[in-house]
Amino acid sequence: MRRHDLMSSTILFVIGLFIVFYAPQFGLGSLSVPGPGFMPFLAGLVICGFSIITFIRAFLTKSAGVDEIWANVKLKKMILTLLMLIVYTFLLRKIGFMICTFFLILILVRLAASRSWLSSIFIGGLSSILSYLLFETLLRAQLPKGIFGF
């Protein structure tokens, strides 16, 4: 496994560098007025940073078996999360951002994180309201309104 981490982190580092060097062609802008190349540039930096961390960890630690890595993975919860995200993307335009996000977070917190219904409803509601305020109000992104108009 160690060899795979060393190889994959090296490849990802090269990809990150490619993004970092070519993103400025689209214009970085500034922090207050970011250009189209700003987010790809940041993403490239993040990819490079995480690949360096992975490389160092793989270089300094002993080899870990594949069984150790997958031992705590709950396959049913992972598949449920993937299915919920797929359903979310299909229903987002029809139902709207607020309602879809509320139900996505509600179901994921309830089933995947095994929280109570009350806690799940609270987290789902708070997440959808805060994300709506962030994207719609502060960032002025146009979120899908859906059939109810919000």
Foldseek 3Di string as FASTA:
>chain_A
DLVVLQVVLVVLLVVLVVQLVPLCVQPQDDPVDGTPSVVSNVVSVVSNVVSVVSNVVSVPDDDDDPCVVCVPDDVVLVVVLVVLVVVLVVCCQAAHQLVSQLVSQLVNCCPVVVDDNVVSNVVSNVVSVVVCCVCCPVVVHDTRLHDVRD
